């Protein structure tokens, strides 16, 4: 498994098909090598750091889900019409759906969680 697609979340299959999936490679180092950014140092509090952190966390969650063979979890991301985005939605049959927002900040503020209130 070199990578995986993260499909958009929507209850309507038709609306889900209108959005594009995201693709994640199995390793952030491989991703950085492929986009030729491996020589760039990733510094905290930068967009590149946040993107790398989000990629890493999503890959780790996918690995955990794949280890638990009995779980039929499906994962998605959510982008609203207003442009707000939820990094990860975990649909767990028979359980509540998990909504996960990944932030690399040392201090979470109201600005970070504003998009969680839909």
PDB file of N, CA and C in Angstrom:
ATOM      1  N   UNK A   1       0.848  -1.182   0.000  1.00  0.00           N
ATOM      2  CA  UNK A   1       0.000   0.000   0.000  1.00  0.00           C
ATOM      3  C   UNK A   1       0.891   1.242   0.000  1.00  0.00           C
ATOM      4  N   UNK A   2       1.009   1.863  -1.141  1.00  0.00           N
ATOM      5  CA  UNK A   2       1.837   3.057  -1.268  1.00  0.00           C
ATOM      6  C   UNK A   2       1.099   4.323  -0.880  1.00  0.00           C
ATOM      7  N   UNK A   3      -0.201   4.268  -0.927  1.00  0.00           N
ATOM      8  CA  UNK A   3      -0.981   5.441  -0.586  1.00  0.00           C
ATOM      9  C   UNK A   3      -2.449   5.097  -0.510  1.00  0.00           C
ATOM     10  N   UNK A   4      -3.239   6.102  -0.208  1.00  0.00           N
ATOM     11  CA  UNK A   4      -4.684   5.904  -0.110  1.00  0.00           C
ATOM     12  C   UNK A   4      -5.392   7.199  -0.446  1.00  0.00           C
ATOM     13  N   UNK A   5      -6.643   7.051  -0.863  1.00  0.00           N
ATOM     14  CA  UNK A   5      -7.470   8.218  -1.165  1.00  0.00           C
ATOM     15  C   UNK A   5      -8.388   8.488   0.011  1.00  0.00           C
ATOM     16  N   UNK A   6      -8.569   9.760   0.286  1.00  0.00           N
ATOM     17  CA  UNK A   6      -9.505  10.201   1.307  1.00  0.00           C
ATOM     18  C   UNK A   6     -10.655  10.851   0.557  1.00  0.00           C
ATOM     19  N   UNK A   7     -11.783  10.172   0.557  1.00  0.00           N
ATOM     20  CA  UNK A   7     -12.947  10.639  -0.196  1.00  0.00           C
ATOM     21  C   UNK A   7     -13.648  11.769   0.562  1.00  0.00           C
ATOM     22  N   UNK A   8     -14.346  12.645  -0.159  1.00  0.00           N
ATOM     23  CA  UNK A   8     -15.125  13.698   0.506  1.00  0.00           C
ATOM     24  C   UNK A   8     -16.331  13.090   1.213  1.00  0.00           C
ATOM     25  N   UNK A   9     -16.747  13.702   2.312  1.00  0.00           N
ATOM     26  CA  UNK A   9     -17.869  13.202   3.090  1.00  0.00           C
ATOM     27  C   UNK A   9     -19.131  13.968   2.720  1.00  0.00           C
ATOM     28  N   UNK A  10     -20.163  13.256   2.416  1.00  0.00           N
ATOM     29  CA  UNK A  10     -21.489  13.834   2.254  1.00  0.00           C
ATOM     30  C   UNK A  10     -22.473  12.678   2.271  1.00  0.00           C
ATOM     31  N   UNK A  11     -23.609  12.877   2.871  1.00  0.00           N
ATOM     32  CA  UNK A  11     -24.607  11.808   2.935  1.00  0.00           C
ATOM     33  C   UNK A  11     -25.157  11.471   1.547  1.00  0.00           C
ATOM     34  N   UNK A  12     -25.158  12.456   0.653  1.00  0.00           N
ATOM     35  CA  UNK A  12     -25.635  12.250  -0.703  1.00  0.00           C
ATOM     36  C   UNK A  12     -24.476  11.764  -1.575  1.00  0.00           C
ATOM     37  N   UNK A  13     -24.637  10.609  -2.207  1.00  0.00           N
ATOM     38  CA  UNK A  13     -23.600  10.067  -3.080  1.00  0.00           C
ATOM     39  C   UNK A  13     -23.373  11.005  -4.272  1.00  0.00           C
ATOM     40  N   UNK A  14     -24.433  11.590  -4.795  1.00  0.00           N
ATOM     41  CA  UNK A  14     -24.312  12.506  -5.932  1.00  0.00           C
ATOM     42  C   UNK A  14     -23.448  13.715  -5.576  1.00  0.00           C
ATOM     43  N   UNK A  15     -23.683  14.304  -4.419  1.00  0.00           N
ATOM     44  CA  UNK A  15     -22.892  15.465  -3.999  1.00  0.00           C
ATOM     45  C   UNK A  15     -21.464  15.053  -3.667  1.00  0.00           C
ATOM     46  N   UNK A  16     -21.276  13.853  -3.150  1.00  0.00           N
ATOM     47  CA  UNK A  16     -19.945  13.350  -2.840  1.00  0.00           C
ATOM     48  C   UNK A  16     -19.115  13.219  -4.120  1.00  0.00           C
ATOM     49  N   UNK A  17     -19.758  12.819  -5.198  1.00  0.00           N
ATOM     50  CA  UNK A  17     -19.053  12.627  -6.466  1.00  0.00           C
ATOM     51  C   UNK A  17     -18.624  13.937  -7.108  1.00  0.00           C
ATOM     52  N   UNK A  18     -19.212  15.055  -6.704  1.00  0.00           N
ATOM     53  CA  UNK A  18     -18.850  16.353  -7.267  1.00  0.00           C
ATOM     54  C   UNK A  18     -17.524  16.870  -6.724  1.00  0.00           C
ATOM     55  N   UNK A  19     -17.076  16.355  -5.594  1.00  0.00           N
ATOM     56  CA  UNK A  19     -15.824  16.797  -4.989  1.00  0.00           C
ATOM     57  C   UNK A  19     -14.716  15.804  -5.298  1.00  0.00           C
ATOM     58  N   UNK A  20     -13.492  16.280  -5.254  1.00  0.00           N
ATOM     59  CA  UNK A  20     -12.334  15.431  -5.554  1.00  0.00           C
ATOM     60  C   UNK A  20     -11.789  14.785  -4.291  1.00  0.00           C
ATOM     61  N   UNK A  21     -11.318  13.547  -4.402  1.00  0.00           N
ATOM     62  CA  UNK A  21     -10.667  12.913  -3.244  1.00  0.00           C
ATOM     63  C   UNK A  21      -9.276  13.502  -3.035  1.00  0.00           C
ATOM     64  N   UNK A  22      -8.747  13.321  -1.836  1.00  0.00           N
ATOM     65  CA  UNK A  22      -7.363  13.697  -1.539  1.00  0.00           C
ATOM     66  C   UNK A  22      -6.540  12.415  -1.575  1.00  0.00           C
ATOM     67  N   UNK A  23      -5.275  12.523  -1.958  1.00  0.00           N
ATOM     68  CA  UNK A  23      -4.401  11.362  -1.991  1.00  0.00           C
ATOM     69  C   UNK A  23      -3.272  11.561  -1.001  1.00  0.00           C
ATOM     70  N   UNK A  24      -3.018  10.535  -0.185  1.00  0.00           N
ATOM     71  CA  UNK A  24      -1.945  10.562   0.809  1.00  0.00           C
ATOM     72  C   UNK A  24      -0.992   9.405   0.541  1.00  0.00           C
ATOM     73  N   UNK A  25       0.291   9.715   0.464  1.00  0.00           N
ATOM     74  CA  UNK A  25       1.300   8.662   0.387  1.00  0.00           C
ATOM     75  C   UNK A  25       1.488   8.067   1.769  1.00  0.00           C
ATOM     76  N   UNK A  26       2.001   6.848   1.841  1.00  0.00           N
ATOM     77  CA  UNK A  26       2.142   6.145   3.116  1.00  0.00           C
ATOM     78  C   UNK A  26       3.157   6.796   4.048  1.00  0.00           C
ATOM     79  N   UNK A  27       4.022   7.659   3.525  1.00  0.00           N
ATOM     80  CA  UNK A  27       5.089   8.232   4.342  1.00  0.00           C
ATOM     81  C   UNK A  27       5.329   9.680   3.928  1.00  0.00           C
ATOM     82  N   UNK A  28       5.407  10.565   4.904  1.00  0.00           N
ATOM     83  CA  UNK A  28       5.601  11.986   4.617  1.00  0.00           C
ATOM     84  C   UNK A  28       6.965  12.247   3.975  1.00  0.00           C
ATOM     85  N   UNK A  29       7.983  11.452   4.313  1.00  0.00           N
ATOM     86  CA  UNK A  29       9.301  11.610   3.699  1.00  0.00           C
ATOM     87  C   UNK A  29       9.278  11.300   2.214  1.00  0.00           C
ATOM     88  N   UNK A  30       8.550  10.269   1.828  1.00  0.00           N
ATOM     89  CA  UNK A  30       8.407   9.920   0.413  1.00  0.00           C
ATOM     90  C   UNK A  30       7.654  11.035  -0.309  1.00  0.00           C
ATOM     91  N   UNK A  31       6.613  11.544   0.316  1.00  0.00           N
ATOM     92  CA  UNK A  31       5.844  12.637  -0.280  1.00  0.00           C
ATOM     93  C   UNK A  31       6.741  13.845  -0.505  1.00  0.00           C
ATOM     94  N   UNK A  32       7.543  14.207   0.491  1.00  0.00           N
ATOM     95  CA  UNK A  32       8.432  15.369   0.372  1.00  0.00           C
ATOM     96  C   UNK A  32       9.516  15.127  -0.677  1.00  0.00           C
ATOM     97  N   UNK A  33       9.998  13.906  -0.792  1.00  0.00           N
ATOM     98  CA  UNK A  33      10.997  13.592  -1.821  1.00  0.00           C
ATOM     99  C   UNK A  33      10.384  13.737  -3.214  1.00  0.00           C
ATOM    100  N   UNK A  34       9.141  13.293  -3.366  1.00  0.00           N
ATOM    101  CA  UNK A  34       8.489  13.364  -4.672  1.00  0.00           C
ATOM    102  C   UNK A  34       8.174  14.799  -5.091  1.00  0.00           C
ATOM    103  N   UNK A  35       7.843  15.656  -4.123  1.00  0.00           N
ATOM    104  CA  UNK A  35       7.564  17.053  -4.494  1.00  0.00           C
ATOM    105  C   UNK A  35       8.806  17.941  -4.362  1.00  0.00           C
ATOM    106  N   UNK A  36       9.963  17.288  -4.194  1.00  0.00           N
ATOM    107  CA  UNK A  36      11.274  17.947  -4.174  1.00  0.00           C
ATOM    108  C   UNK A  36      11.412  18.994  -3.072  1.00  0.00           C
ATOM    109  N   UNK A  37      10.780  18.736  -1.931  1.00  0.00           N
ATOM    110  CA  UNK A  37      10.892  19.648  -0.794  1.00  0.00           C
ATOM    111  C   UNK A  37      11.678  19.027   0.358  1.00  0.00           C
ATOM    112  N   UNK A  38      12.312  17.885   0.098  1.00  0.00           N
ATOM    113  CA  UNK A  38      13.039  17.170   1.150  1.00  0.00           C
ATOM    114  C   UNK A  38      14.205  17.983   1.697  1.00  0.00           C
ATOM    115  N   UNK A  39      14.816  18.821   0.873  1.00  0.00           N
ATOM    116  CA  UNK A  39      15.959  19.615   1.328  1.00  0.00           C
ATOM    117  C   UNK A  39      15.532  20.815   2.168  1.00  0.00           C
ATOM    118  N   UNK A  40      14.260  21.196   2.088  1.00  0.00           N
ATOM    119  CA  UNK A  40      13.756  22.321   2.870  1.00  0.00           C
ATOM    120  C   UNK A  40      13.492  21.889   4.306  1.00  0.00           C
ATOM    121  N   UNK A  41      13.995  22.640   5.237  1.00  0.00           N
ATOM    122  CA  UNK A  41      13.736  22.345   6.639  1.00  0.00           C
ATOM    123  C   UNK A  41      12.300  22.751   6.973  1.00  0.00           C
ATOM    124  N   UNK A  42      11.595  21.879   7.665  1.00  0.00           N
ATOM    125  CA  UNK A  42      10.223  22.194   8.078  1.00  0.00           C
ATOM    126  C   UNK A  42      10.286  22.877   9.442  1.00  0.00           C
ATOM    127  N   UNK A  43       9.848  24.117   9.474  1.00  0.00           N
ATOM    128  CA  UNK A  43       9.903  24.902  10.706  1.00  0.00           C
ATOM    129  C   UNK A  43       8.523  24.985  11.343  1.00  0.00           C
ATOM    130  N   UNK A  44       8.460  24.870  12.672  1.00  0.00           N
ATOM    131  CA  UNK A  44       7.167  25.012  13.361  1.00  0.00           C
ATOM    132  C   UNK A  44       6.519  26.352  13.037  1.00  0.00           C
ATOM    133  N   UNK A  45       5.221  26.393  13.130  1.00  0.00           N
ATOM    134  CA  UNK A  45       4.408  27.588  12.882  1.00  0.00           C
ATOM    135  C   UNK A  45       4.398  28.016  11.422  1.00  0.00           C
ATOM    136  N   UNK A  46       4.683  27.085  10.511  1.00  0.00           N
ATOM    137  CA  UNK A  46       4.584  27.390   9.088  1.00  0.00           C
ATOM    138  C   UNK A  46       3.516  26.499   8.466  1.00  0.00           C
ATOM    139  N   UNK A  47       3.028  26.895   7.307  1.00  0.00           N
ATOM    140  CA  UNK A  47       2.030  26.097   6.606  1.00  0.00           C
ATOM    141  C   UNK A  47       2.569  24.733   6.222  1.00  0.00           C
ATOM    142  N   UNK A  48       3.855  24.683   5.832  1.00  0.00           N
ATOM    143  CA  UNK A  48       4.468  23.407   5.452  1.00  0.00           C
ATOM    144  C   UNK A  48       4.510  22.447   6.646  1.00  0.00           C
ATOM    145  N   UNK A  49       4.797  22.988   7.826  1.00  0.00           N
ATOM    146  CA  UNK A  49       4.826  22.177   9.049  1.00  0.00           C
ATOM    147  C   UNK A  49       3.425  21.618   9.335  1.00  0.00           C
ATOM    148  N   UNK A  50       2.414  22.490   9.229  1.00  0.00           N
ATOM    149  CA  UNK A  50       1.039  22.059   9.470  1.00  0.00           C
ATOM    150  C   UNK A  50       0.590  20.991   8.496  1.00  0.00           C
ATOM    151  N   UNK A  51       0.940  21.161   7.212  1.00  0.00           N
ATOM    152  CA  UNK A  51       0.576  20.166   6.202  1.00  0.00           C
ATOM    153  C   UNK A  51       1.255  18.820   6.470  1.00  0.00           C
ATOM    154  N   UNK A  52       2.551  18.868   6.827  1.00  0.00           N
ATOM    155  CA  UNK A  52       3.291  17.632   7.115  1.00  0.00           C
ATOM    156  C   UNK A  52       2.733  16.944   8.360  1.00  0.00           C
ATOM    157  N   UNK A  53       2.394  17.734   9.384  1.00  0.00           N
ATOM    158  CA  UNK A  53       1.835  17.177  10.618  1.00  0.00           C
ATOM    159  C   UNK A  53       0.483  16.514  10.338  1.00  0.00           C
ATOM    160  N   UNK A  54      -0.356  17.188   9.576  1.00  0.00           N
ATOM    161  CA  UNK A  54      -1.671  16.635   9.227  1.00  0.00           C
ATOM    162  C   UNK A  54      -1.508  15.336   8.438  1.00  0.00           C
ATOM    163  N   UNK A  55      -0.607  15.321   7.471  1.00  0.00           N
ATOM    164  CA  UNK A  55      -0.352  14.120   6.670  1.00  0.00           C
ATOM    165  C   UNK A  55       0.095  12.962   7.567  1.00  0.00           C
ATOM    166  N   UNK A  56       1.016  13.246   8.471  1.00  0.00           N
ATOM    167  CA  UNK A  56       1.529  12.225   9.389  1.00  0.00           C
ATOM    168  C   UNK A  56       0.412  11.657  10.268  1.00  0.00           C
ATOM    169  N   UNK A  57      -0.387  12.523  10.874  1.00  0.00           N
ATOM    170  CA  UNK A  57      -1.455  12.080  11.784  1.00  0.00           C
ATOM    171  C   UNK A  57      -2.495  11.250  11.025  1.00  0.00           C
ATOM    172  N   UNK A  58      -2.892  11.694   9.841  1.00  0.00           N
ATOM    173  CA  UNK A  58      -3.872  10.939   9.060  1.00  0.00           C
ATOM    174  C   UNK A  58      -3.322   9.562   8.706  1.00  0.00           C
ATOM    175  N   UNK A  59      -2.046   9.487   8.311  1.00  0.00           N
ATOM    176  CA  UNK A  59      -1.437   8.185   8.005  1.00  0.00           C
ATOM    177  C   UNK A  59      -1.428   7.266   9.224  1.00  0.00           C
ATOM    178  N   UNK A  60      -1.146   7.813  10.389  1.00  0.00           N
ATOM    179  CA  UNK A  60      -1.127   7.000  11.610  1.00  0.00           C
ATOM    180  C   UNK A  60      -2.521   6.498  11.968  1.00  0.00           C
ATOM    181  N   UNK A  61      -3.536   7.330  11.800  1.00  0.00           N
ATOM    182  CA  UNK A  61      -4.906   6.905  12.081  1.00  0.00           C
ATOM    183  C   UNK A  61      -5.320   5.798  11.103  1.00  0.00           C
ATOM    184  N   UNK A  62      -4.973   5.951   9.834  1.00  0.00           N
ATOM    185  CA  UNK A  62      -5.291   4.924   8.834  1.00  0.00           C
ATOM    186  C   UNK A  62      -4.595   3.608   9.194  1.00  0.00           C
ATOM    187  N   UNK A  63      -3.347   3.665   9.638  1.00  0.00           N
ATOM    188  CA  UNK A  63      -2.626   2.449  10.046  1.00  0.00           C
ATOM    189  C   UNK A  63      -3.343   1.766  11.207  1.00  0.00           C
ATOM    190  N   UNK A  64      -3.787   2.555  12.187  1.00  0.00           N
ATOM    191  CA  UNK A  64      -4.498   1.978  13.336  1.00  0.00           C
ATOM    192  C   UNK A  64      -5.812   1.328  12.901  1.00  0.00           C
ATOM    193  N   UNK A  65      -6.535   1.982  12.000  1.00  0.00           N
ATOM    194  CA  UNK A  65      -7.793   1.417  11.511  1.00  0.00           C
ATOM    195  C   UNK A  65      -7.531   0.111  10.763  1.00  0.00           C
ATOM    196  N   UNK A  66      -6.476   0.081   9.948  1.00  0.00           N
ATOM    197  CA  UNK A  66      -6.157  -1.132   9.186  1.00  0.00           C
ATOM    198  C   UNK A  66      -5.679  -2.273  10.074  1.00  0.00           C
ATOM    199  N   UNK A  67      -5.090  -1.958  11.229  1.00  0.00           N
ATOM    200  CA  UNK A  67      -4.661  -3.003  12.158  1.00  0.00           C
ATOM    201  C   UNK A  67      -5.844  -3.696  12.809  1.00  0.00           C
ATOM    202  N   UNK A  68      -6.917  -2.965  13.005  1.00  0.00           N
ATOM    203  CA  UNK A  68      -8.109  -3.519  13.631  1.00  0.00           C
ATOM    204  C   UNK A  68      -9.010  -4.092  12.538  1.00  0.00           C
ATOM    205  N   UNK A  69      -8.735  -5.311  12.148  1.00  0.00           N
ATOM    206  CA  UNK A  69      -9.386  -5.936  10.992  1.00  0.00           C
ATOM    207  C   UNK A  69     -10.901  -6.026  11.161  1.00  0.00           C
ATOM    208  N   UNK A  70     -11.371  -6.168  12.390  1.00  0.00           N
ATOM    209  CA  UNK A  70     -12.805  -6.347  12.601  1.00  0.00           C
ATOM    210  C   UNK A  70     -13.578  -5.054  12.407  1.00  0.00           C
ATOM    211  N   UNK A  71     -12.909  -3.927  12.487  1.00  0.00           N
ATOM    212  CA  UNK A  71     -13.597  -2.646  12.345  1.00  0.00           C
ATOM    213  C   UNK A  71     -13.787  -2.309  10.866  1.00  0.00           C
ATOM    214  N   UNK A  72     -14.992  -1.964  10.496  1.00  0.00           N
ATOM    215  CA  UNK A  72     -15.298  -1.578   9.122  1.00  0.00           C
ATOM    216  C   UNK A  72     -15.433  -0.064   9.023  1.00  0.00           C
ATOM    217  N   UNK A  73     -14.450   0.635   9.565  1.00  0.00           N
ATOM    218  CA  UNK A  73     -14.478   2.089   9.558  1.00  0.00           C
ATOM    219  C   UNK A  73     -14.208   2.613   8.160  1.00  0.00           C
ATOM    220  N   UNK A  74     -14.859   3.688   7.817  1.00  0.00           N
ATOM    221  CA  UNK A  74     -14.600   4.391   6.574  1.00  0.00           C
ATOM    222  C   UNK A  74     -14.156   5.799   6.941  1.00  0.00           C
ATOM    223  N   UNK A  75     -13.171   6.304   6.207  1.00  0.00           N
ATOM    224  CA  UNK A  75     -12.649   7.627   6.519  1.00  0.00           C
ATOM    225  C   UNK A  75     -12.886   8.580   5.352  1.00  0.00           C
ATOM    226  N   UNK A  76     -13.113   9.832   5.696  1.00  0.00           N
ATOM    227  CA  UNK A  76     -13.416  10.881   4.741  1.00  0.00           C
ATOM    228  C   UNK A  76     -12.812  12.193   5.226  1.00  0.00           C
ATOM    229  N   UNK A  77     -12.904  13.210   4.392  1.00  0.00           N
ATOM    230  CA  UNK A  77     -12.677  14.582   4.827  1.00  0.00           C
ATOM    231  C   UNK A  77     -13.946  15.354   4.482  1.00  0.00           C
ATOM    232  N   UNK A  78     -14.120  16.517   5.083  1.00  0.00           N
ATOM    233  CA  UNK A  78     -15.325  17.310   4.846  1.00  0.00           C
ATOM    234  C   UNK A  78     -14.925  18.729   4.469  1.00  0.00           C
ATOM    235  N   UNK A  79     -15.469  19.202   3.359  1.00  0.00           N
ATOM    236  CA  UNK A  79     -15.301  20.598   2.971  1.00  0.00           C
ATOM    237  C   UNK A  79     -16.693  21.175   2.775  1.00  0.00           C
ATOM    238  N   UNK A  80     -16.992  22.244   3.501  1.00  0.00           N
ATOM    239  CA  UNK A  80     -18.316  22.858   3.403  1.00  0.00           C
ATOM    240  C   UNK A  80     -18.375  23.780   2.190  1.00  0.00           C
ATOM    241  N   UNK A  81     -19.591  24.215   1.848  1.00  0.00           N
ATOM    242  CA  UNK A  81     -19.767  25.169   0.747  1.00  0.00           C
ATOM    243  C   UNK A  81     -19.086  26.501   1.046  1.00  0.00           C
ATOM    244  N   UNK A  82     -18.908  26.808   2.322  1.00  0.00           N
ATOM    245  CA  UNK A  82     -18.262  28.053   2.722  1.00  0.00           C
ATOM    246  C   UNK A  82     -16.737  27.936   2.718  1.00  0.00           C
ATOM    247  N   UNK A  83     -16.201  26.741   2.443  1.00  0.00           N
ATOM    248  CA  UNK A  83     -14.751  26.563   2.370  1.00  0.00           C
ATOM    249  C   UNK A  83     -14.102  26.041   3.638  1.00  0.00           C
ATOM    250  N   UNK A  84     -14.878  25.891   4.716  1.00  0.00           N
ATOM    251  CA  UNK A  84     -14.316  25.322   5.948  1.00  0.00           C
ATOM    252  C   UNK A  84     -14.047  23.840   5.713  1.00  0.00           C
ATOM    253  N   UNK A  85     -13.002  23.329   6.358  1.00  0.00           N
ATOM    254  CA  UNK A  85     -12.644  21.930   6.134  1.00  0.00           C
ATOM    255  C   UNK A  85     -12.394  21.209   7.455  1.00  0.00           C
ATOM    256  N   UNK A  86     -12.948  20.006   7.557  1.00  0.00           N
ATOM    257  CA  UNK A  86     -12.688  19.109   8.671  1.00  0.00           C
ATOM    258  C   UNK A  86     -11.718  18.069   8.142  1.00  0.00           C
ATOM    259  N   UNK A  87     -10.587  17.898   8.828  1.00  0.00           N
ATOM    260  CA  UNK A  87      -9.509  17.071   8.303  1.00  0.00           C
ATOM    261  C   UNK A  87      -9.870  15.601   8.158  1.00  0.00           C
ATOM    262  N   UNK A  88     -10.621  15.064   9.096  1.00  0.00           N
ATOM    263  CA  UNK A  88     -10.903  13.635   9.055  1.00  0.00           C
ATOM    264  C   UNK A  88     -12.261  13.337   9.677  1.00  0.00           C
ATOM    265  N   UNK A  89     -13.056  12.566   8.961  1.00  0.00           N
ATOM    266  CA  UNK A  89     -14.333  12.065   9.450  1.00  0.00           C
ATOM    267  C   UNK A  89     -14.193  10.541   9.474  1.00  0.00           C
ATOM    268  N   UNK A  90     -14.457   9.927  10.626  1.00  0.00           N
ATOM    269  CA  UNK A  90     -14.368   8.475  10.743  1.00  0.00           C
ATOM    270  C   UNK A  90     -15.771   7.946  10.974  1.00  0.00           C
ATOM    271  N   UNK A  91     -16.290   7.262   9.971  1.00  0.00           N
ATOM    272  CA  UNK A  91     -17.624   6.668  10.032  1.00  0.00           C
ATOM    273  C   UNK A  91     -17.479   5.269  10.624  1.00  0.00           C
ATOM    274  N   UNK A  92     -18.056   5.075  11.819  1.00  0.00           N
ATOM    275  CA  UNK A  92     -17.937   3.805  12.539  1.00  0.00           C
ATOM    276  C   UNK A  92     -19.319   3.181  12.662  1.00  0.00           C
ATOM    277  N   UNK A  93     -19.574   2.098  11.943  1.00  0.00           N
ATOM    278  CA  UNK A  93     -20.898   1.470  11.981  1.00  0.00           C
ATOM    279  C   UNK A  93     -21.335   1.141  13.411  1.00  0.00           C
ATOM    280  N   UNK A  94     -22.562   1.526  13.731  1.00  0.00           N
ATOM    281  CA  UNK A  94     -23.117   1.237  15.047  1.00  0.00           C
ATOM    282  C   UNK A  94     -22.603   2.166  16.141  1.00  0.00           C
ATOM    283  N   UNK A  95     -21.766   3.123  15.794  1.00  0.00           N
ATOM    284  CA  UNK A  95     -21.204   4.068  16.764  1.00  0.00           C
ATOM    285  C   UNK A  95     -21.331   5.479  16.197  1.00  0.00           C
ATOM    286  N   UNK A  96     -21.068   6.464  17.036  1.00  0.00           N
ATOM    287  CA  UNK A  96     -21.100   7.845  16.578  1.00  0.00           C
ATOM    288  C   UNK A  96     -19.948   8.097  15.611  1.00  0.00           C
ATOM    289  N   UNK A  97     -20.209   8.943  14.638  1.00  0.00           N
ATOM    290  CA  UNK A  97     -19.183   9.347  13.685  1.00  0.00           C
ATOM    291  C   UNK A  97     -18.211  10.301  14.371  1.00  0.00           C
ATOM    292  N   UNK A  98     -16.922  10.083  14.144  1.00  0.00           N
ATOM    293  CA  UNK A  98     -15.895  10.951  14.724  1.00  0.00           C
ATOM    294  C   UNK A  98     -15.518  12.041  13.738  1.00  0.00           C
ATOM    295  N   UNK A  99     -15.429  13.265  14.224  1.00  0.00           N
ATOM    296  CA  UNK A  99     -14.945  14.391  13.434  1.00  0.00           C
ATOM    297  C   UNK A  99     -13.629  14.829  14.068  1.00  0.00           C
ATOM    298  N   UNK A 100     -12.554  14.822  13.283  1.00  0.00           N
ATOM    299  CA  UNK A 100     -11.228  15.117  13.819  1.00  0.00           C
ATOM    300  C   UNK A 100     -10.633  16.300  13.076  1.00  0.00           C
ATOM    301  N   UNK A 101     -10.262  17.311  13.824  1.00  0.00           N
ATOM    302  CA  UNK A 101      -9.555  18.470  13.285  1.00  0.00           C
ATOM    303  C   UNK A 101      -8.117  18.389  13.781  1.00  0.00           C
ATOM    304  N   UNK A 102      -7.169  18.430  12.887  1.00  0.00           N
ATOM    305  CA  UNK A 102      -5.755  18.275  13.232  1.00  0.00           C
ATOM    306  C   UNK A 102      -5.091  19.647  13.187  1.00  0.00           C
ATOM    307  N   UNK A 103      -4.535  20.073  14.302  1.00  0.00           N
ATOM    308  CA  UNK A 103      -3.838  21.354  14.394  1.00  0.00           C
ATOM    309  C   UNK A 103      -2.440  21.118  14.932  1.00  0.00           C
ATOM    310  N   UNK A 104      -1.476  21.837  14.382  1.00  0.00           N
ATOM    311  CA  UNK A 104      -0.090  21.683  14.833  1.00  0.00           C
ATOM    312  C   UNK A 104       0.328  22.789  15.787  1.00  0.00           C
ATOM    313  N   UNK A 105      -0.594  23.611  16.197  1.00  0.00           N
ATOM    314  CA  UNK A 105      -0.301  24.731  17.079  1.00  0.00           C
ATOM    315  C   UNK A 105      -0.045  24.261  18.509  1.00  0.00           C
ATOM    316  N   UNK A 106       0.832  24.962  19.196  1.00  0.00           N
ATOM    317  CA  UNK A 106       1.066  24.646  20.610  1.00  0.00           C
ATOM    318  C   UNK A 106      -0.070  25.141  21.478  1.00  0.00           C
ATOM    319  N   UNK A 107      -0.761  26.184  21.031  1.00  0.00           N
ATOM    320  CA  UNK A 107      -1.867  26.764  21.775  1.00  0.00           C
ATOM    321  C   UNK A 107      -3.096  26.831  20.881  1.00  0.00           C
ATOM    322  N   UNK A 108      -4.112  26.071  21.218  1.00  0.00           N
ATOM    323  CA  UNK A 108      -5.346  26.073  20.437  1.00  0.00           C
ATOM    324  C   UNK A 108      -6.193  27.258  20.888  1.00  0.00           C
ATOM    325  N   UNK A 109      -6.659  28.028  19.919  1.00  0.00           N
ATOM    326  CA  UNK A 109      -7.467  29.207  20.221  1.00  0.00           C
ATOM    327  C   UNK A 109      -8.863  29.036  19.643  1.00  0.00           C
ATOM    328  N   UNK A 110      -9.728  30.011  19.908  1.00  0.00           N
ATOM    329  CA  UNK A 110     -11.081  29.978  19.362  1.00  0.00           C
ATOM    330  C   UNK A 110     -11.057  30.000  17.836  1.00  0.00           C
ATOM    331  N   UNK A 111     -10.069  30.637  17.237  1.00  0.00           N
ATOM    332  CA  UNK A 111      -9.942  30.663  15.770  1.00  0.00           C
ATOM    333  C   UNK A 111      -9.774  29.261  15.205  1.00  0.00           C
ATOM    334  N   UNK A 112      -9.025  28.392  15.924  1.00  0.00           N
ATOM    335  CA  UNK A 112      -8.790  27.042  15.449  1.00  0.00           C
ATOM    336  C   UNK A 112     -10.059  26.193  15.466  1.00  0.00           C
ATOM    337  N   UNK A 113     -10.929  26.435  16.428  1.00  0.00           N
ATOM    338  CA  UNK A 113     -12.108  25.582  16.571  1.00  0.00           C
ATOM    339  C   UNK A 113     -13.375  26.212  16.021  1.00  0.00           C
ATOM    340  N   UNK A 114     -13.282  27.412  15.487  1.00  0.00           N
ATOM    341  CA  UNK A 114     -14.457  28.094  14.955  1.00  0.00           C
ATOM    342  C   UNK A 114     -15.172  27.265  13.891  1.00  0.00           C
ATOM    343  N   UNK A 115     -14.410  26.580  13.036  1.00  0.00           N
ATOM    344  CA  UNK A 115     -15.029  25.805  11.964  1.00  0.00           C
ATOM    345  C   UNK A 115     -15.658  24.506  12.455  1.00  0.00           C
ATOM    346  N   UNK A 116     -15.434  24.133  13.708  1.00  0.00           N
ATOM    347  CA  UNK A 116     -16.048  22.923  14.245  1.00  0.00           C
ATOM    348  C   UNK A 116     -17.516  23.131  14.541  1.00  0.00           C
ATOM    349  N   UNK A 117     -17.919  24.371  14.710  1.00  0.00           N
ATOM    350  CA  UNK A 117     -19.314  24.686  14.990  1.00  0.00           C
ATOM    351  C   UNK A 117     -20.002  24.892  13.655  1.00  0.00           C
ATOM    352  N   UNK A 118     -20.771  23.878  13.240  1.00  0.00           N
ATOM    353  CA  UNK A 118     -21.417  23.941  11.924  1.00  0.00           C
ATOM    354  C   UNK A 118     -22.798  24.509  12.009  1.00  0.00           C
TER     355      UNK A 118
END
